[in-house]
Amino acid sequence: MENTLFIRISGRVQGVGFRWCSYEQFDELGLKGKAENGRDGSVEVTVTGEEPALQKFVEWCHAGPKGARVNRVDVTEVKPAAAEAGGQAVRQDHEKSDN
Protein backbone atom coordinates (compact mmCIF):
# COMPACT_ATOMS: atom_id res chain seq x y z
CA MET A 1 0.00 0.00 0.00
CA GLU A 2 1.30 3.41 -0.92
CA ASN A 3 1.53 6.24 1.60
CA THR A 4 2.09 9.95 1.11
CA LEU A 5 4.39 12.11 3.23
CA PHE A 6 4.85 15.85 3.48
CA ILE A 7 8.44 16.62 4.51
CA ARG A 8 9.90 20.01 5.45
CA ILE A 9 13.71 20.11 5.52
CA SER A 10 15.31 23.07 7.30
CA GLY A 11 18.88 24.32 7.42
CA ARG A 12 21.12 25.29 4.53
CA VAL A 13 19.03 23.45 1.96
CA GLN A 14 18.28 26.01 -0.75
CA GLY A 15 20.84 26.74 -3.43
CA VAL A 16 22.61 23.39 -2.94
CA GLY A 17 20.63 21.21 -5.37
CA PHE A 18 18.36 19.68 -2.74
CA ARG A 19 15.26 19.72 -4.96
CA TRP A 20 17.08 18.34 -7.99
CA CYS A 21 18.67 15.57 -5.91
CA SER A 22 15.25 14.80 -4.39
CA TYR A 23 13.97 14.00 -7.88
CA GLU A 24 16.97 11.72 -8.45
CA GLN A 25 16.08 9.94 -5.20
CA PHE A 26 12.45 9.60 -6.32
CA ASP A 27 13.62 7.84 -9.49
CA GLU A 28 16.11 5.63 -7.67
CA LEU A 29 13.59 4.57 -4.99
CA GLY A 30 10.51 4.29 -7.24
CA LEU A 31 8.70 7.23 -5.61
CA LYS A 32 6.47 9.96 -7.03
CA GLY A 33 6.47 13.49 -5.71
CA LYS A 34 7.41 17.12 -5.91
CA ALA A 35 10.00 19.28 -4.17
CA GLU A 36 9.69 23.05 -3.78
CA ASN A 37 11.52 25.84 -2.01
CA GLY A 38 9.64 27.07 1.06
CA ARG A 39 9.31 30.79 1.74
CA ASP A 40 11.14 30.30 5.05
CA GLY A 41 14.29 28.91 3.40
CA SER A 42 13.26 25.28 3.81
CA VAL A 43 12.63 22.68 1.12
CA GLU A 44 9.13 21.17 1.11
CA VAL A 45 8.60 17.72 -0.37
CA THR A 46 5.39 15.78 -0.97
CA VAL A 47 6.23 12.19 -1.84
CA THR A 48 4.21 9.00 -2.43
CA GLY A 49 5.35 5.39 -2.44
CA GLU A 50 5.78 2.17 -0.53
CA GLU A 51 6.80 2.42 3.13
CA PRO A 52 10.34 0.96 2.82
CA ALA A 53 11.21 3.40 0.01
CA LEU A 54 9.67 6.32 1.90
CA GLN A 55 11.78 5.51 4.95
CA LYS A 56 14.94 5.42 2.83
CA PHE A 57 14.01 8.80 1.37
CA VAL A 58 13.42 10.29 4.84
CA GLU A 59 16.83 8.96 5.92
CA TRP A 60 18.39 10.60 2.85
CA CYS A 61 16.68 13.90 3.75
CA HIS A 62 18.60 14.01 7.03
CA ALA A 63 21.85 14.37 5.05
CA GLY A 64 20.72 15.67 1.67
CA PRO A 65 23.12 16.39 -1.18
CA LYS A 66 26.71 17.53 -0.86
CA GLY A 67 26.75 21.13 0.32
CA ALA A 68 23.53 20.89 2.33
CA ARG A 69 23.48 21.31 6.10
CA VAL A 70 20.26 19.82 7.45
CA ASN A 71 19.17 21.07 10.87
CA ARG A 72 15.66 19.64 11.01
CA VAL A 73 13.40 17.25 9.11
CA ASP A 74 9.65 17.42 9.84
CA VAL A 75 7.64 14.51 8.48
CA THR A 76 3.84 14.50 8.26
CA GLU A 77 1.89 11.51 7.00
CA VAL A 78 -0.85 12.67 4.65
CA LYS A 79 -4.03 10.64 4.97
CA PRO A 80 -5.57 9.56 1.63
CA ALA A 81 -8.69 11.75 1.93
CA ALA A 82 -6.59 14.66 3.21
CA ALA A 83 -4.10 14.23 0.36
CA GLU A 84 -6.87 14.73 -2.18
CA ALA A 85 -8.05 17.85 -0.31
CA GLY A 86 -4.50 19.17 0.19
CA GLY A 87 -4.57 18.72 3.99
CA GLN A 88 -2.21 16.91 6.32
CA ALA A 89 -2.40 14.85 9.51
CA VAL A 90 -0.26 12.74 11.86
CA ARG A 91 2.93 14.71 12.40
CA GLN A 92 6.32 13.18 13.24
CA ASP A 93 9.22 15.54 13.93
CA HIS A 94 12.83 14.50 13.46
CA GLU A 95 15.65 16.79 14.54
CA LYS A 96 19.20 16.26 13.44
CA SER A 97 21.84 16.79 16.07
CA ASP A 98 25.13 18.44 15.14
CA ASN A 99 27.00 15.89 17.30
PDB file of N, CA and C in Angstrom:
ATOM      1  N   MET A   1       0.840  -1.188   0.000  1.00  0.00           N
ATOM      2  CA  MET A   1       0.000   0.000   0.000  1.00  0.00           C
ATOM      3  C   MET A   1       0.884   1.251   0.000  1.00  0.00           C
ATOM      4  N   GLU A   2       0.538   2.171  -0.844  1.00  0.00           N
ATOM      5  CA  GLU A   2       1.296   3.410  -0.922  1.00  0.00           C
ATOM      6  C   GLU A   2       0.833   4.396   0.142  1.00  0.00           C
ATOM      7  N   ASN A   3       1.789   5.165   0.652  1.00  0.00           N
ATOM      8  CA  ASN A   3       1.527   6.244   1.596  1.00  0.00           C
ATOM      9  C   ASN A   3       2.071   7.532   0.990  1.00  0.00           C
ATOM     10  N   THR A   4       1.604   8.642   1.531  1.00  0.00           N
ATOM     11  CA  THR A   4       2.091   9.953   1.108  1.00  0.00           C
ATOM     12  C   THR A   4       2.609  10.696   2.323  1.00  0.00           C
ATOM     13  N   LEU A   5       3.777  11.317   2.173  1.00  0.00           N
ATOM     14  CA  LEU A   5       4.390  12.109   3.233  1.00  0.00           C
ATOM     15  C   LEU A   5       4.599  13.535   2.761  1.00  0.00           C
ATOM     16  N   PHE A   6       4.435  14.469   3.684  1.00  0.00           N
ATOM     17  CA  PHE A   6       4.852  15.850   3.480  1.00  0.00           C
ATOM     18  C   PHE A   6       6.071  16.042   4.367  1.00  0.00           C
ATOM     19  N   ILE A   7       7.184  16.493   3.780  1.00  0.00           N
ATOM     20  CA  ILE A   7       8.443  16.620   4.513  1.00  0.00           C
ATOM     21  C   ILE A   7       8.959  18.049   4.347  1.00  0.00           C
ATOM     22  N   ARG A   8       9.275  18.679   5.479  1.00  0.00           N
ATOM     23  CA  ARG A   8       9.900  20.009   5.452  1.00  0.00           C
ATOM     24  C   ARG A   8      11.318  19.859   5.983  1.00  0.00           C
ATOM     25  N   ILE A   9      12.300  20.220   5.158  1.00  0.00           N
ATOM     26  CA  ILE A   9      13.708  20.109   5.524  1.00  0.00           C
ATOM     27  C   ILE A   9      14.239  21.513   5.747  1.00  0.00           C
ATOM     28  N   SER A  10      14.806  21.749   6.932  1.00  0.00           N
ATOM     29  CA  SER A  10      15.311  23.069   7.296  1.00  0.00           C
ATOM     30  C   SER A  10      16.816  23.032   7.485  1.00  0.00           C
ATOM     31  N   GLY A  11      17.436  24.174   7.304  1.00  0.00           N
ATOM     32  CA  GLY A  11      18.882  24.316   7.424  1.00  0.00           C
ATOM     33  C   GLY A  11      19.387  25.045   6.186  1.00  0.00           C
ATOM     34  N   ARG A  12      20.604  24.729   5.784  1.00  0.00           N
ATOM     35  CA  ARG A  12      21.119  25.292   4.526  1.00  0.00           C
ATOM     36  C   ARG A  12      20.764  24.293   3.430  1.00  0.00           C
ATOM     37  N   VAL A  13      19.555  24.440   2.899  1.00  0.00           N
ATOM     38  CA  VAL A  13      19.031  23.447   1.961  1.00  0.00           C
ATOM     39  C   VAL A  13      18.596  24.047   0.627  1.00  0.00           C
ATOM     40  N   GLN A  14      18.571  25.370   0.526  1.00  0.00           N
ATOM     41  CA  GLN A  14      18.277  26.010  -0.749  1.00  0.00           C
ATOM     42  C   GLN A  14      19.587  26.442  -1.385  1.00  0.00           C
ATOM     43  N   GLY A  15      19.651  26.331  -2.703  1.00  0.00           N
ATOM     44  CA  GLY A  15      20.844  26.739  -3.426  1.00  0.00           C
ATOM     45  C   GLY A  15      21.949  25.692  -3.424  1.00  0.00           C
ATOM     46  N   VAL A  16      21.622  24.468  -2.989  1.00  0.00           N
ATOM     47  CA  VAL A  16      22.615  23.389  -2.943  1.00  0.00           C
ATOM     48  C   VAL A  16      22.175  22.167  -3.753  1.00  0.00           C
ATOM     49  N   GLY A  17      21.109  22.315  -4.542  1.00  0.00           N
ATOM     50  CA  GLY A  17      20.626  21.214  -5.374  1.00  0.00           C
ATOM     51  C   GLY A  17      19.731  20.222  -4.652  1.00  0.00           C
ATOM     52  N   PHE A  18      19.172  20.618  -3.510  1.00  0.00           N
ATOM     53  CA  PHE A  18      18.359  19.680  -2.737  1.00  0.00           C
ATOM     54  C   PHE A  18      17.144  19.194  -3.531  1.00  0.00           C
ATOM     55  N   ARG A  19      16.453  20.126  -4.197  1.00  0.00           N
ATOM     56  CA  ARG A  19      15.260  19.716  -4.955  1.00  0.00           C
ATOM     57  C   ARG A  19      15.633  18.785  -6.100  1.00  0.00           C
ATOM     58  N   TRP A  20      16.645  19.152  -6.861  1.00  0.00           N
ATOM     59  CA  TRP A  20      17.080  18.343  -7.993  1.00  0.00           C
ATOM     60  C   TRP A  20      17.479  16.946  -7.526  1.00  0.00           C
ATOM     61  N   CYS A  21      18.242  16.869  -6.445  1.00  0.00           N
ATOM     62  CA  CYS A  21      18.667  15.571  -5.909  1.00  0.00           C
ATOM     63  C   CYS A  21      17.492  14.780  -5.348  1.00  0.00           C
ATOM     64  N   SER A  22      16.465  15.485  -4.852  1.00  0.00           N
ATOM     65  CA  SER A  22      15.253  14.795  -4.390  1.00  0.00           C
ATOM     66  C   SER A  22      14.606  14.032  -5.539  1.00  0.00           C
ATOM     67  N   TYR A  23      14.549  14.674  -6.718  1.00  0.00           N
ATOM     68  CA  TYR A  23      13.966  14.005  -7.882  1.00  0.00           C
ATOM     69  C   TYR A  23      14.805  12.801  -8.301  1.00  0.00           C
ATOM     70  N   GLU A  24      16.113  12.892  -8.177  1.00  0.00           N
ATOM     71  CA  GLU A  24      16.966  11.723  -8.449  1.00  0.00           C
ATOM     72  C   GLU A  24      16.642  10.591  -7.477  1.00  0.00           C
ATOM     73  N   GLN A  25      16.443  10.944  -6.200  1.00  0.00           N
ATOM     74  CA  GLN A  25      16.084   9.941  -5.198  1.00  0.00           C
ATOM     75  C   GLN A  25      14.721   9.323  -5.497  1.00  0.00           C
ATOM     76  N   PHE A  26      13.770  10.135  -5.940  1.00  0.00           N
ATOM     77  CA  PHE A  26      12.455   9.603  -6.324  1.00  0.00           C
ATOM     78  C   PHE A  26      12.629   8.504  -7.367  1.00  0.00           C
ATOM     79  N   ASP A  27      13.407   8.810  -8.412  1.00  0.00           N
ATOM     80  CA  ASP A  27      13.616   7.841  -9.490  1.00  0.00           C
ATOM     81  C   ASP A  27      14.307   6.582  -8.981  1.00  0.00           C
ATOM     82  N   GLU A  28      15.343   6.764  -8.180  1.00  0.00           N
ATOM     83  CA  GLU A  28      16.109   5.632  -7.666  1.00  0.00           C
ATOM     84  C   GLU A  28      15.281   4.726  -6.761  1.00  0.00           C
ATOM     85  N   LEU A  29      14.366   5.326  -5.973  1.00  0.00           N
ATOM     86  CA  LEU A  29      13.588   4.565  -4.994  1.00  0.00           C
ATOM     87  C   LEU A  29      12.189   4.194  -5.489  1.00  0.00           C
ATOM     88  N   GLY A  30      11.832   4.603  -6.704  1.00  0.00           N
ATOM     89  CA  GLY A  30      10.510   4.287  -7.243  1.00  0.00           C
ATOM     90  C   GLY A  30       9.395   5.097  -6.600  1.00  0.00           C
ATOM     91  N   LEU A  31       9.672   6.350  -6.261  1.00  0.00           N
ATOM     92  CA  LEU A  31       8.703   7.228  -5.612  1.00  0.00           C
ATOM     93  C   LEU A  31       8.162   8.244  -6.611  1.00  0.00           C
ATOM     94  N   LYS A  32       7.043   8.865  -6.248  1.00  0.00           N
ATOM     95  CA  LYS A  32       6.468   9.964  -7.025  1.00  0.00           C
ATOM     96  C   LYS A  32       6.356  11.155  -6.081  1.00  0.00           C
ATOM     97  N   GLY A  33       6.620  12.348  -6.588  1.00  0.00           N
ATOM     98  CA  GLY A  33       6.468  13.495  -5.712  1.00  0.00           C
ATOM     99  C   GLY A  33       6.905  14.787  -6.334  1.00  0.00           C
ATOM    100  N   LYS A  34       6.943  15.806  -5.478  1.00  0.00           N
ATOM    101  CA  LYS A  34       7.407  17.118  -5.909  1.00  0.00           C
ATOM    102  C   LYS A  34       8.218  17.725  -4.770  1.00  0.00           C
ATOM    103  N   ALA A  35       9.159  18.592  -5.132  1.00  0.00           N
ATOM    104  CA  ALA A  35      10.003  19.281  -4.167  1.00  0.00           C
ATOM    105  C   ALA A  35      10.017  20.756  -4.542  1.00  0.00           C
ATOM    106  N   GLU A  36       9.765  21.607  -3.546  1.00  0.00           N
ATOM    107  CA  GLU A  36       9.691  23.047  -3.783  1.00  0.00           C
ATOM    108  C   GLU A  36      10.441  23.792  -2.690  1.00  0.00           C
ATOM    109  N   ASN A  37      10.935  24.983  -3.018  1.00  0.00           N
ATOM    110  CA  ASN A  37      11.519  25.842  -2.005  1.00  0.00           C
ATOM    111  C   ASN A  37      10.411  26.454  -1.163  1.00  0.00           C
ATOM    112  N   GLY A  38      10.577  26.413   0.159  1.00  0.00           N
ATOM    113  CA  GLY A  38       9.636  27.071   1.055  1.00  0.00           C
ATOM    114  C   GLY A  38      10.011  28.538   1.199  1.00  0.00           C
ATOM    115  N   ARG A  39       9.052  29.353   1.555  1.00  0.00           N
ATOM    116  CA  ARG A  39       9.305  30.790   1.740  1.00  0.00           C
ATOM    117  C   ARG A  39      10.242  31.061   2.908  1.00  0.00           C
ATOM    118  N   ASP A  40      10.317  30.123   3.847  1.00  0.00           N
ATOM    119  CA  ASP A  40      11.137  30.302   5.052  1.00  0.00           C
ATOM    120  C   ASP A  40      12.563  29.790   4.877  1.00  0.00           C
ATOM    121  N   GLY A  41      12.950  29.421   3.651  1.00  0.00           N
ATOM    122  CA  GLY A  41      14.293  28.911   3.403  1.00  0.00           C
ATOM    123  C   GLY A  41      14.396  27.401   3.464  1.00  0.00           C
ATOM    124  N   SER A  42      13.295  26.744   3.759  1.00  0.00           N
ATOM    125  CA  SER A  42      13.265  25.280   3.808  1.00  0.00           C
ATOM    126  C   SER A  42      13.025  24.722   2.410  1.00  0.00           C
ATOM    127  N   VAL A  43      13.086  23.394   2.304  1.00  0.00           N
ATOM    128  CA  VAL A  43      12.627  22.683   1.118  1.00  0.00           C
ATOM    129  C   VAL A  43      11.440  21.841   1.560  1.00  0.00           C
ATOM    130  N   GLU A  44      10.353  21.903   0.797  1.00  0.00           N
ATOM    131  CA  GLU A  44       9.131  21.170   1.107  1.00  0.00           C
ATOM    132  C   GLU A  44       8.921  20.095   0.054  1.00  0.00           C
ATOM    133  N   VAL A  45       8.738  18.860   0.519  1.00  0.00           N
ATOM    134  CA  VAL A  45       8.605  17.715  -0.369  1.00  0.00           C
ATOM    135  C   VAL A  45       7.297  16.995  -0.054  1.00  0.00           C
ATOM    136  N   THR A  46       6.540  16.685  -1.082  1.00  0.00           N
ATOM    137  CA  THR A  46       5.395  15.782  -0.970  1.00  0.00           C
ATOM    138  C   THR A  46       5.749  14.568  -1.797  1.00  0.00           C
ATOM    139  N   VAL A  47       5.736  13.392  -1.173  1.00  0.00           N
ATOM    140  CA  VAL A  47       6.227  12.187  -1.841  1.00  0.00           C
ATOM    141  C   VAL A  47       5.309  11.006  -1.532  1.00  0.00           C
ATOM    142  N   THR A  48       5.089  10.161  -2.543  1.00  0.00           N
ATOM    143  CA  THR A  48       4.206   9.001  -2.426  1.00  0.00           C
ATOM    144  C   THR A  48       4.951   7.748  -2.852  1.00  0.00           C
ATOM    145  N   GLY A  49       4.748   6.672  -2.086  1.00  0.00           N
ATOM    146  CA  GLY A  49       5.355   5.394  -2.436  1.00  0.00           C
ATOM    147  C   GLY A  49       5.167   4.372  -1.345  1.00  0.00           C
ATOM    148  N   GLU A  50       5.830   3.247  -1.515  1.00  0.00           N
ATOM    149  CA  GLU A  50       5.775   2.170  -0.531  1.00  0.00           C
ATOM    150  C   GLU A  50       6.605   2.545   0.695  1.00  0.00           C
ATOM    151  N   GLU A  51       6.190   2.042   1.852  1.00  0.00           N
ATOM    152  CA  GLU A  51       6.804   2.415   3.127  1.00  0.00           C
ATOM    153  C   GLU A  51       8.326   2.237   3.179  1.00  0.00           C
ATOM    154  N   PRO A  52       8.885   1.106   2.742  1.00  0.00           N
ATOM    155  CA  PRO A  52      10.344   0.965   2.820  1.00  0.00           C
ATOM    156  C   PRO A  52      11.082   2.042   2.022  1.00  0.00           C
ATOM    157  N   ALA A  53      10.579   2.370   0.838  1.00  0.00           N
ATOM    158  CA  ALA A  53      11.214   3.395   0.008  1.00  0.00           C
ATOM    159  C   ALA A  53      11.054   4.774   0.640  1.00  0.00           C
ATOM    160  N   LEU A  54       9.885   5.042   1.225  1.00  0.00           N
ATOM    161  CA  LEU A  54       9.674   6.321   1.902  1.00  0.00           C
ATOM    162  C   LEU A  54      10.640   6.495   3.061  1.00  0.00           C
ATOM    163  N   GLN A  55      10.851   5.427   3.829  1.00  0.00           N
ATOM    164  CA  GLN A  55      11.779   5.508   4.954  1.00  0.00           C
ATOM    165  C   GLN A  55      13.205   5.782   4.478  1.00  0.00           C
ATOM    166  N   LYS A  56      13.604   5.156   3.382  1.00  0.00           N
ATOM    167  CA  LYS A  56      14.938   5.422   2.826  1.00  0.00           C
ATOM    168  C   LYS A  56      15.053   6.879   2.388  1.00  0.00           C
ATOM    169  N   PHE A  57      13.970   7.408   1.798  1.00  0.00           N
ATOM    170  CA  PHE A  57      14.005   8.799   1.373  1.00  0.00           C
ATOM    171  C   PHE A  57      14.107   9.740   2.579  1.00  0.00           C
ATOM    172  N   VAL A  58      13.350   9.464   3.627  1.00  0.00           N
ATOM    173  CA  VAL A  58      13.419  10.294   4.840  1.00  0.00           C
ATOM    174  C   VAL A  58      14.836  10.247   5.419  1.00  0.00           C
ATOM    175  N   GLU A  59      15.444   9.068   5.443  1.00  0.00           N
ATOM    176  CA  GLU A  59      16.826   8.956   5.920  1.00  0.00           C
ATOM    177  C   GLU A  59      17.751   9.820   5.070  1.00  0.00           C
ATOM    178  N   TRP A  60      17.574   9.784   3.747  1.00  0.00           N
ATOM    179  CA  TRP A  60      18.393  10.602   2.854  1.00  0.00           C
ATOM    180  C   TRP A  60      18.195  12.089   3.152  1.00  0.00           C
ATOM    181  N   CYS A  61      16.966  12.491   3.468  1.00  0.00           N
ATOM    182  CA  CYS A  61      16.675  13.902   3.750  1.00  0.00           C
ATOM    183  C   CYS A  61      17.484  14.437   4.930  1.00  0.00           C
ATOM    184  N   HIS A  62      17.828  13.577   5.862  1.00  0.00           N
ATOM    185  CA  HIS A  62      18.603  14.011   7.032  1.00  0.00           C
ATOM    186  C   HIS A  62      20.019  14.445   6.646  1.00  0.00           C
ATOM    187  N   ALA A  63      20.522  13.976   5.524  1.00  0.00           N
ATOM    188  CA  ALA A  63      21.855  14.373   5.050  1.00  0.00           C
ATOM    189  C   ALA A  63      21.745  15.282   3.834  1.00  0.00           C
ATOM    190  N   GLY A  64      20.886  14.903   2.886  1.00  0.00           N
ATOM    191  CA  GLY A  64      20.724  15.672   1.670  1.00  0.00           C
ATOM    192  C   GLY A  64      21.941  15.575   0.771  1.00  0.00           C
ATOM    193  N   PRO A  65      21.996  16.416  -0.243  1.00  0.00           N
ATOM    194  CA  PRO A  65      23.119  16.395  -1.184  1.00  0.00           C
ATOM    195  C   PRO A  65      24.355  17.067  -0.586  1.00  0.00           C
ATOM    196  N   LYS A  66      25.473  16.866  -1.259  1.00  0.00           N
ATOM    197  CA  LYS A  66      26.713  17.528  -0.855  1.00  0.00           C
ATOM    198  C   LYS A  66      26.473  19.040  -0.836  1.00  0.00           C
ATOM    199  N   GLY A  67      26.936  19.689   0.197  1.00  0.00           N
ATOM    200  CA  GLY A  67      26.754  21.129   0.324  1.00  0.00           C
ATOM    201  C   GLY A  67      25.588  21.522   1.204  1.00  0.00           C
ATOM    202  N   ALA A  68      24.671  20.598   1.455  1.00  0.00           N
ATOM    203  CA  ALA A  68      23.535  20.888   2.332  1.00  0.00           C
ATOM    204  C   ALA A  68      23.952  20.727   3.791  1.00  0.00           C
ATOM    205  N   ARG A  69      23.317  21.493   4.655  1.00  0.00           N
ATOM    206  CA  ARG A  69      23.479  21.309   6.099  1.00  0.00           C
ATOM    207  C   ARG A  69      22.072  21.243   6.687  1.00  0.00           C
ATOM    208  N   VAL A  70      21.625  20.041   6.973  1.00  0.00           N
ATOM    209  CA  VAL A  70      20.260  19.820   7.448  1.00  0.00           C
ATOM    210  C   VAL A  70      20.230  19.977   8.960  1.00  0.00           C
ATOM    211  N   ASN A  71      19.351  20.870   9.433  1.00  0.00           N
ATOM    212  CA  ASN A  71      19.167  21.065  10.870  1.00  0.00           C
ATOM    213  C   ASN A  71      17.938  20.347  11.397  1.00  0.00           C
ATOM    214  N   ARG A  72      16.926  20.220  10.554  1.00  0.00           N
ATOM    215  CA  ARG A  72      15.660  19.643  11.014  1.00  0.00           C
ATOM    216  C   ARG A  72      14.905  19.041   9.840  1.00  0.00           C
ATOM    217  N   VAL A  73      14.257  17.913  10.093  1.00  0.00           N
ATOM    218  CA  VAL A  73      13.399  17.255   9.114  1.00  0.00           C
ATOM    219  C   VAL A  73      12.063  16.986   9.796  1.00  0.00           C
ATOM    220  N   ASP A  74      11.006  17.630   9.318  1.00  0.00           N
ATOM    221  CA  ASP A  74       9.655  17.421   9.841  1.00  0.00           C
ATOM    222  C   ASP A  74       8.887  16.563   8.852  1.00  0.00           C
ATOM    223  N   VAL A  75       8.343  15.453   9.332  1.00  0.00           N
ATOM    224  CA  VAL A  75       7.637  14.509   8.482  1.00  0.00           C
ATOM    225  C   VAL A  75       6.184  14.429   8.929  1.00  0.00           C
ATOM    226  N   THR A  76       5.271  14.605   7.984  1.00  0.00           N
ATOM    227  CA  THR A  76       3.841  14.501   8.256  1.00  0.00           C
ATOM    228  C   THR A  76       3.249  13.483   7.299  1.00  0.00           C
ATOM    229  N   GLU A  77       2.576  12.471   7.848  1.00  0.00           N
ATOM    230  CA  GLU A  77       1.885  11.507   6.999  1.00  0.00           C
ATOM    231  C   GLU A  77       0.589  12.142   6.531  1.00  0.00           C
ATOM    232  N   VAL A  78       0.358  12.106   5.229  1.00  0.00           N
ATOM    233  CA  VAL A  78      -0.848  12.674   4.647  1.00  0.00           C
ATOM    234  C   VAL A  78      -1.849  11.548   4.458  1.00  0.00           C
ATOM    235  N   LYS A  79      -2.984  11.658   5.106  1.00  0.00           N
ATOM    236  CA  LYS A  79      -4.027  10.639   4.969  1.00  0.00           C
ATOM    237  C   LYS A  79      -4.622  10.702   3.566  1.00  0.00           C
ATOM    238  N   PRO A  80      -5.070   9.567   3.018  1.00  0.00           N
ATOM    239  CA  PRO A  80      -5.573   9.558   1.633  1.00  0.00           C
ATOM    240  C   PRO A  80      -6.633  10.618   1.336  1.00  0.00           C
ATOM    241  N   ALA A  81      -7.648  10.749   2.176  1.00  0.00           N
ATOM    242  CA  ALA A  81      -8.686  11.755   1.929  1.00  0.00           C
ATOM    243  C   ALA A  81      -8.108  13.152   2.057  1.00  0.00           C
ATOM    244  N   ALA A  82      -7.205  13.353   3.010  1.00  0.00           N
ATOM    245  CA  ALA A  82      -6.587  14.664   3.205  1.00  0.00           C
ATOM    246  C   ALA A  82      -5.666  14.992   2.044  1.00  0.00           C
ATOM    247  N   ALA A  83      -5.001  13.993   1.482  1.00  0.00           N
ATOM    248  CA  ALA A  83      -4.098  14.227   0.359  1.00  0.00           C
ATOM    249  C   ALA A  83      -4.872  14.783  -0.830  1.00  0.00           C
ATOM    250  N   GLU A  84      -6.057  14.246  -1.070  1.00  0.00           N
ATOM    251  CA  GLU A  84      -6.875  14.729  -2.180  1.00  0.00           C
ATOM    252  C   GLU A  84      -7.333  16.159  -1.933  1.00  0.00           C
ATOM    253  N   ALA A  85      -7.578  16.507  -0.657  1.00  0.00           N
ATOM    254  CA  ALA A  85      -8.052  17.849  -0.312  1.00  0.00           C
ATOM    255  C   ALA A  85      -6.904  18.817  -0.060  1.00  0.00           C
ATOM    256  N   GLY A  86      -5.653  18.310  -0.046  1.00  0.00           N
ATOM    257  CA  GLY A  86      -4.503  19.167   0.192  1.00  0.00           C
ATOM    258  C   GLY A  86      -4.177  19.348   1.659  1.00  0.00           C
ATOM    259  N   GLY A  87      -4.824  18.603   2.551  1.00  0.00           N
ATOM    260  CA  GLY A  87      -4.575  18.725   3.987  1.00  0.00           C
ATOM    261  C   GLY A  87      -3.570  17.712   4.472  1.00  0.00           C
ATOM    262  N   GLN A  88      -3.198  17.821   5.744  1.00  0.00           N
ATOM    263  CA  GLN A  88      -2.209  16.913   6.322  1.00  0.00           C
ATOM    264  C   GLN A  88      -2.654  16.486   7.719  1.00  0.00           C
ATOM    265  N   ALA A  89      -2.106  15.342   8.162  1.00  0.00           N
ATOM    266  CA  ALA A  89      -2.397  14.852   9.506  1.00  0.00           C
ATOM    267  C   ALA A  89      -1.262  13.959   9.978  1.00  0.00           C
ATOM    268  N   VAL A  90      -1.231  13.641  11.240  1.00  0.00           N
ATOM    269  CA  VAL A  90      -0.262  12.743  11.864  1.00  0.00           C
ATOM    270  C   VAL A  90       1.169  13.234  11.666  1.00  0.00           C
ATOM    271  N   ARG A  91       1.611  14.087  12.537  1.00  0.00           N
ATOM    272  CA  ARG A  91       2.934  14.712  12.404  1.00  0.00           C
ATOM    273  C   ARG A  91       3.987  13.949  13.203  1.00  0.00           C
ATOM    274  N   GLN A  92       5.161  13.764  12.587  1.00  0.00           N
ATOM    275  CA  GLN A  92       6.321  13.178  13.242  1.00  0.00           C
ATOM    276  C   GLN A  92       7.482  14.126  13.005  1.00  0.00           C
ATOM    277  N   ASP A  93       8.097  14.629  14.070  1.00  0.00           N
ATOM    278  CA  ASP A  93       9.220  15.543  13.931  1.00  0.00           C
ATOM    279  C   ASP A  93      10.515  14.800  14.170  1.00  0.00           C
ATOM    280  N   HIS A  94      11.492  15.095  13.340  1.00  0.00           N
ATOM    281  CA  HIS A  94      12.828  14.496  13.461  1.00  0.00           C
ATOM    282  C   HIS A  94      13.833  15.650  13.448  1.00  0.00           C
ATOM    283  N   GLU A  95      14.604  15.768  14.516  1.00  0.00           N
ATOM    284  CA  GLU A  95      15.647  16.786  14.539  1.00  0.00           C
ATOM    285  C   GLU A  95      16.987  16.122  14.371  1.00  0.00           C
ATOM    286  N   LYS A  96      17.860  16.775  13.638  1.00  0.00           N
ATOM    287  CA  LYS A  96      19.204  16.261  13.440  1.00  0.00           C
ATOM    288  C   LYS A  96      20.130  16.978  14.397  1.00  0.00           C
ATOM    289  N   SER A  97      20.871  16.230  15.138  1.00  0.00           N
ATOM    290  CA  SER A  97      21.838  16.791  16.074  1.00  0.00           C
ATOM    291  C   SER A  97      23.139  17.082  15.333  1.00  0.00           C
ATOM    292  N   ASP A  98      23.841  18.118  15.758  1.00  0.00           N
ATOM    293  CA  ASP A  98      25.128  18.445  15.144  1.00  0.00           C
ATOM    294  C   ASP A  98      26.265  17.664  15.791  1.00  0.00           C
ATOM    295  N   ASN A  99      25.967  16.683  16.624  1.00  0.00           N
ATOM    296  CA  ASN A  99      27.003  15.888  17.305  1.00  0.00           C
ATOM    297  C   ASN A  99      27.722  14.990  16.369  1.00  0.00           C
TER     298      ASN A  99
END
